[in-house]
Protein backbone atom coordinates (compact mmCIF):
# COMPACT_ATOMS: atom_id res chain seq x y z
CA UNK A 1 56.43 181.93 -23.37
CA UNK A 2 55.93 178.78 -20.67
CA UNK A 3 59.39 177.11 -21.74
CA UNK A 4 60.92 180.55 -21.59
CA UNK A 5 59.48 181.29 -17.75
CA UNK A 6 60.43 177.35 -16.99
CA UNK A 7 64.12 177.93 -18.29
CA UNK A 8 64.30 181.42 -17.00
CA UNK A 9 63.36 180.37 -13.23
CA UNK A 10 65.22 177.12 -13.38
CA UNK A 11 68.44 178.77 -14.08
CA UNK A 12 67.77 181.00 -11.09
CA UNK A 13 67.48 178.01 -8.71
CA UNK A 14 70.10 176.85 -10.28
CA UNK A 15 72.41 179.26 -9.23
CA UNK A 16 70.93 179.94 -5.64
CA UNK A 17 73.75 177.91 -2.84
CA UNK A 18 70.62 177.15 -1.11
CA UNK A 19 69.43 174.48 -3.44
CA UNK A 20 72.93 172.10 -3.03
CA UNK A 21 72.94 172.76 0.73
CA UNK A 22 69.43 171.65 1.67
CA UNK A 23 69.89 168.15 -0.03
CA UNK A 24 73.37 168.23 1.39
CA UNK A 25 71.89 168.68 5.08
CA UNK A 26 68.69 166.59 4.43
CA UNK A 27 70.87 163.16 3.65
CA UNK A 28 73.56 164.25 7.00
CA UNK A 29 70.22 164.68 9.38
CA UNK A 30 68.59 161.56 7.81
CA UNK A 31 71.84 159.65 8.53
CA UNK A 32 72.03 160.73 12.22
CA UNK A 33 68.55 159.75 12.71
CA UNK A 34 68.91 156.11 10.94
CA UNK A 35 71.76 155.50 12.50
CA UNK A 36 69.90 155.94 15.98
CA UNK A 37 67.08 153.69 14.69
CA UNK A 38 69.62 151.18 13.23
CA UNK A 39 72.81 151.24 15.61
CA UNK A 40 71.23 152.05 18.78
CA UNK A 41 69.77 149.57 20.83
CA UNK A 42 67.20 151.39 22.06
CA UNK A 43 64.90 148.54 23.65
CA UNK A 44 68.34 147.81 25.60
CA UNK A 45 68.50 150.92 26.71
CA UNK A 46 65.15 150.47 28.62
CA UNK A 47 65.51 147.38 29.60
CA UNK A 48 63.73 145.67 27.03
CA UNK A 49 64.77 142.82 24.34
CA UNK A 50 62.73 142.62 20.86
CA UNK A 51 61.13 139.59 22.30
CA UNK A 52 59.37 141.70 24.98
CA UNK A 53 58.79 144.60 22.83
CA UNK A 54 56.95 142.22 20.80
CA UNK A 55 54.81 140.60 23.70
CA UNK A 56 53.90 143.97 24.81
CA UNK A 57 52.79 144.77 21.34
CA UNK A 58 50.57 142.09 20.78
CA UNK A 59 49.30 142.50 24.55
CA UNK A 60 48.73 146.13 23.15
CA UNK A 61 46.68 145.39 20.05
CA UNK A 62 43.08 145.18 21.95
CA UNK A 63 41.57 147.22 24.54
CA UNK A 64 41.64 144.80 26.85
CA UNK A 65 45.52 144.43 26.56
CA UNK A 66 46.26 147.96 27.01
CA UNK A 67 46.78 147.36 30.95
CA UNK A 68 48.57 144.52 30.54
CA UNK A 69 50.62 145.65 27.98
CA UNK A 70 51.66 149.14 30.37
CA UNK A 71 52.36 146.61 32.93
CA UNK A 72 54.38 144.97 31.13
CA UNK A 73 56.38 147.31 30.33
CA UNK A 74 56.19 148.69 33.41
CA UNK A 75 57.90 145.81 35.10
CA UNK A 76 60.91 145.38 32.46
CA UNK A 77 61.78 148.85 33.24
CA UNK A 78 61.88 148.09 37.13
CA UNK A 79 63.94 145.02 36.37
CA UNK A 80 66.10 146.78 34.11
CA UNK A 81 66.60 149.47 37.07
CA UNK A 82 67.36 146.56 39.78
CA UNK A 83 70.09 145.46 37.56
CA UNK A 84 71.88 148.50 37.06
CA UNK A 85 73.62 147.47 39.96
CA UNK A 86 74.63 144.18 38.47
CA UNK A 87 78.19 143.93 37.16
CA UNK A 88 77.49 141.18 34.92
CA UNK A 89 74.87 143.00 32.74
CA UNK A 90 76.07 145.81 31.57
CA UNK A 91 74.08 148.47 29.86
CA UNK A 92 75.14 148.25 25.75
CA UNK A 93 74.36 151.33 23.75
CA UNK A 94 75.18 150.06 20.04
CA UNK A 95 73.59 147.03 18.47
CA UNK A 96 70.56 145.94 16.56
CA UNK A 97 68.15 148.96 16.65
CA UNK A 98 64.43 149.01 16.32
CA UNK A 99 64.57 149.84 12.34
CA UNK A 100 67.52 147.06 11.74
CA UNK A 101 67.15 144.48 9.21
CA UNK A 102 63.77 146.35 7.75
CA UNK A 103 63.32 146.91 4.32
CA UNK A 104 64.71 150.25 2.42
CA UNK A 105 60.55 151.32 2.01
CA UNK A 106 60.26 150.67 6.13
CA UNK A 107 63.36 152.95 6.64
CA UNK A 108 62.06 155.87 3.76
CA UNK A 109 58.53 156.05 5.26
CA UNK A 110 59.80 156.73 9.19
CA UNK A 111 62.28 159.68 7.29
CA UNK A 112 59.39 160.73 5.72
CA UNK A 113 57.21 161.29 8.63
CA UNK A 114 60.03 162.89 10.74
CA UNK A 115 59.03 165.85 8.61
CA UNK A 116 62.68 167.58 8.12
CA UNK A 117 62.27 167.29 4.45
CA UNK A 118 59.17 169.45 4.52
CA UNK A 119 61.20 171.76 6.70
CA UNK A 120 63.95 171.70 4.48
CA UNK A 121 62.15 172.84 1.81
CA UNK A 122 59.97 175.17 3.64
CA UNK A 123 63.79 177.29 4.10
CA UNK A 124 64.02 176.77 -0.25
CA UNK A 125 60.58 178.13 -0.63
CA UNK A 126 61.17 180.85 1.50
CA UNK A 127 64.37 182.06 -0.04
CA UNK A 128 62.96 181.18 -3.58
CA UNK A 129 59.87 183.47 -3.46
CA UNK A 130 61.20 185.64 -1.30
CA UNK A 131 64.18 186.70 -3.70
CA UNK A 132 61.41 188.02 -5.65
CA UNK A 133 60.94 191.25 -2.63
CA UNK A 134 64.27 191.15 -1.98
CA UNK A 135 66.23 191.70 -4.96
CA UNK A 136 62.92 193.13 -7.38
CA UNK A 137 63.36 190.75 -9.54
CA UNK A 138 59.78 190.99 -11.24
CA UNK A 139 60.26 194.37 -12.20
CA UNK A 140 63.10 193.30 -15.05
CA UNK A 141 61.18 190.45 -15.97
CA UNK A 142 59.38 192.57 -18.87
CA UNK A 143 59.02 189.73 -20.81
CA UNK A 144 56.21 188.12 -18.83
CA UNK A 145 55.21 191.41 -17.14
CA UNK A 146 51.37 190.98 -18.45
CA UNK A 147 51.34 187.06 -17.50
CA UNK A 148 52.13 186.92 -14.00
CA UNK A 149 49.60 183.94 -14.00
CA UNK A 150 51.89 181.95 -16.34
CA UNK A 151 54.93 183.19 -14.32
CA UNK A 152 53.49 182.23 -10.78
CA UNK A 153 52.33 178.62 -11.74
CA UNK A 154 56.16 177.92 -13.63
CA UNK A 155 57.27 178.60 -9.96
CA UNK A 156 55.11 176.67 -8.11
CA UNK A 157 55.48 173.80 -10.95
CA UNK A 158 59.39 174.39 -10.17
CA UNK A 159 58.56 173.94 -6.43
CA UNK A 160 56.88 170.70 -7.02
CA UNK A 161 60.02 169.35 -9.18
CA UNK A 162 62.66 170.42 -6.06
CA UNK A 163 60.03 168.59 -3.28
CA UNK A 164 60.47 165.54 -5.95
CA UNK A 165 64.21 166.08 -5.98
CA UNK A 166 64.34 166.10 -2.40
CA UNK A 167 61.78 162.82 -1.81
CA UNK A 168 64.30 161.20 -4.12
CA UNK A 169 67.30 162.12 -2.00
CA UNK A 170 65.22 161.33 1.06
CA UNK A 171 64.50 157.68 -0.84
CA UNK A 172 68.70 157.36 -1.85
CA UNK A 173 69.38 158.10 2.23
CA UNK A 174 67.02 155.35 3.14
CA UNK A 175 69.04 153.13 0.60
CA UNK A 176 72.60 154.17 1.94
CA UNK A 177 71.26 154.21 5.43
CA UNK A 178 69.70 150.32 5.60
CA UNK A 179 73.13 149.26 3.24
CA UNK A 180 75.59 150.37 5.74
CA UNK A 181 73.87 150.52 9.50
CA UNK A 182 70.69 147.77 8.31
CA UNK A 183 71.16 144.20 8.33
CA UNK A 184 70.39 143.98 4.22
CA UNK A 185 68.64 145.93 1.33
CA UNK A 186 65.35 144.75 0.59
CA UNK A 187 64.03 147.45 -1.28
CA UNK A 188 60.37 146.27 -1.47
CA UNK A 189 59.16 148.19 -4.72
CA UNK A 190 55.63 147.21 -4.66
CA UNK A 191 52.22 148.58 -5.12
CA UNK A 192 52.35 149.97 -1.60
CA UNK A 193 55.14 151.29 -1.64
CA UNK A 194 54.65 153.72 -4.91
CA UNK A 195 51.53 154.49 -3.74
CA UNK A 196 53.20 155.81 -0.33
CA UNK A 197 55.98 157.77 -2.93
CA UNK A 198 53.43 159.46 -4.63
CA UNK A 199 50.78 160.14 -1.88
CA UNK A 200 53.37 161.84 0.30
CA UNK A 201 55.03 164.20 -2.79
CA UNK A 202 51.71 165.30 -3.13
CA UNK A 203 51.26 166.38 0.49
CA UNK A 204 55.08 167.43 0.10
CA UNK A 205 53.93 169.43 -2.57
CA UNK A 206 50.64 170.74 -0.85
CA UNK A 207 52.93 172.11 1.59
CA UNK A 208 55.21 173.97 -0.33
CA UNK A 209 52.49 176.03 -1.91
CA UNK A 210 51.12 177.07 1.45
CA UNK A 211 54.42 178.24 2.42
CA UNK A 212 55.07 179.84 -0.70
CA UNK A 213 51.83 181.49 -0.72
CA UNK A 214 52.40 182.90 2.82
CA UNK A 215 55.62 183.95 1.51
CA UNK A 216 53.48 185.92 -1.18
CA UNK A 217 51.35 187.66 1.33
CA UNK A 218 54.32 188.98 3.67
CA UNK A 219 56.59 189.48 0.77
CA UNK A 220 58.98 188.09 3.54
CA UNK A 221 61.23 184.83 3.41
CA UNK A 222 60.87 184.85 7.42
CA UNK A 223 57.70 184.89 7.42
CA UNK A 224 57.56 181.76 4.70
CA UNK A 225 60.28 180.06 6.63
CA UNK A 226 58.76 180.42 10.05
CA UNK A 227 55.51 179.20 9.29
CA UNK A 228 57.54 176.23 7.65
CA UNK A 229 58.99 175.66 10.84
CA UNK A 230 55.94 175.76 12.84
CA UNK A 231 54.21 172.98 10.34
CA UNK A 232 57.08 171.33 10.38
CA UNK A 233 57.61 170.85 14.15
CA UNK A 234 54.66 169.67 15.08
CA UNK A 235 53.32 173.13 17.05
CA UNK A 236 50.27 173.32 15.01
CA UNK A 237 49.38 170.23 15.73
CA UNK A 238 49.47 170.32 19.62
CA UNK A 239 47.14 173.16 18.74
CA UNK A 240 44.71 171.43 17.26
CA UNK A 241 44.99 168.64 19.44
CA UNK A 242 43.84 171.20 22.37
CA UNK A 243 41.05 172.49 20.23
CA UNK A 244 39.79 169.01 19.73
CA UNK A 245 39.68 168.19 23.45
CA UNK A 246 37.84 171.39 24.24
CA UNK A 247 35.39 170.56 21.08
CA UNK A 248 34.93 167.21 22.38
CA UNK A 249 33.95 168.70 26.07
CA UNK A 250 31.45 171.36 24.56
CA UNK A 251 30.29 169.59 21.45
CA UNK A 252 30.27 165.88 23.05
CA UNK A 253 32.55 164.60 20.00
CA UNK A 254 33.90 161.18 20.01
CA UNK A 255 36.97 160.49 21.92
CA UNK A 256 39.23 159.83 18.56
CA UNK A 257 38.29 163.60 16.72
CA UNK A 258 40.94 165.43 16.08
CA UNK A 259 41.56 168.17 13.91
CA UNK A 260 45.28 167.72 13.62
CA UNK A 261 44.19 164.78 11.28
CA UNK A 262 42.97 167.42 8.80
CA UNK A 263 46.45 168.78 8.58
CA UNK A 264 48.87 169.08 5.80
CA UNK A 265 52.06 167.77 8.23
CA UNK A 266 49.92 165.53 10.63
CA UNK A 267 48.81 163.33 7.35
CA UNK A 268 51.88 163.02 6.48
CA UNK A 269 53.73 162.14 9.99
CA UNK A 270 51.27 159.64 10.32
CA UNK A 271 50.46 158.00 6.91
CA UNK A 272 52.19 154.98 6.39
CA UNK A 273 52.99 152.27 3.47
CA UNK A 274 49.57 150.34 5.36
CA UNK A 275 47.37 152.50 5.97
CA UNK A 276 43.85 152.15 5.47
CA UNK A 277 42.11 153.45 2.04
CA UNK A 278 39.97 155.88 4.38
CA UNK A 279 43.17 157.65 5.67
CA UNK A 280 44.37 157.77 2.43
CA UNK A 281 41.83 159.41 1.12
CA UNK A 282 41.65 161.79 3.55
CA UNK A 283 45.42 162.67 3.04
CA UNK A 284 44.87 163.47 -0.26
CA UNK A 285 41.61 165.27 0.18
CA UNK A 286 43.59 167.58 2.46
CA UNK A 287 46.16 167.73 0.03
CA UNK A 288 44.54 168.78 -2.54
CA UNK A 289 42.37 171.46 -0.54
CA UNK A 290 45.18 173.19 1.30
CA UNK A 291 47.01 173.61 -1.92
CA UNK A 292 43.97 174.73 -4.11
CA UNK A 293 43.03 177.63 -1.55
CA UNK A 294 46.67 178.60 -1.08
CA UNK A 295 47.09 178.22 -5.12
CA UNK A 296 44.12 180.86 -5.92
CA UNK A 297 44.54 183.27 -2.63
CA UNK A 298 48.29 183.76 -3.69
CA UNK A 299 47.40 184.23 -7.04
CA UNK A 300 44.95 186.96 -6.64
CA UNK A 301 47.14 188.50 -4.20
CA UNK A 302 49.89 188.33 -6.79
CA UNK A 303 47.88 189.57 -9.73
CA UNK A 304 46.37 192.42 -8.61
CA UNK A 305 49.36 193.61 -6.38
CA UNK A 306 52.02 196.30 -7.57
CA UNK A 307 55.24 194.71 -8.70
CA UNK A 308 57.28 197.56 -7.96
């Protein structure tokens, strides 16, 4: 029964044009992003050199250095403004960007944190789950009618599998970008990268389950996709930050308290290859909790709802 369900749903996914179109869109978008960070001299456009940036970052590593760091950047900006009219110092656009010369793992980390992968996954999940209700598909699956739990689990498994494919596509795009536009190809297949790959994939799967839950509850493709866009665009994180400031003032909480740190997308955007253990643990817990709540809630509705 399980094998038949996997085969049936996998076949349906393989026939969806969006399955392949979304992969192509992901590759195109990430290449454009990587081009900007590898081939556009963003520091030069701000009137800064790499040495200036390194100095500013070094000064900004301590609380005492924040003011000096700001003033250094501000002064560099003033200097660049004064030099704009000098013919012998033209502003260049193309050059070595901030990510030029970085390893594939670092480029991959940047690509994942951009959240375009989860945005496109939300579109896929909205279309995949939404088709069940727009086409009346489940009414024709008599062989699985008595076991909706199995069918629901299979669909979540395939969403996780597609999320894994997107994760791999993102990595290959990072590799291609480093080879075409970077200073060289350094794979950096170390423990940190493997852990980062797995943890971010778990976060992406949790995100997909949340979108699937919304689509099931509303029976609407648009609702699931809209939720995915809101989450991946950082709108919820902004709302969480405002709510956090209000709670800080009302309850006297510490200034670093932020509700956004307990959302899937915020963790996906902020976690990196060398995050401390408590940040990693927080990300895993958030992914597990959101996945479990979305899964159980959706399943309870699917089991009770009339498929017609």
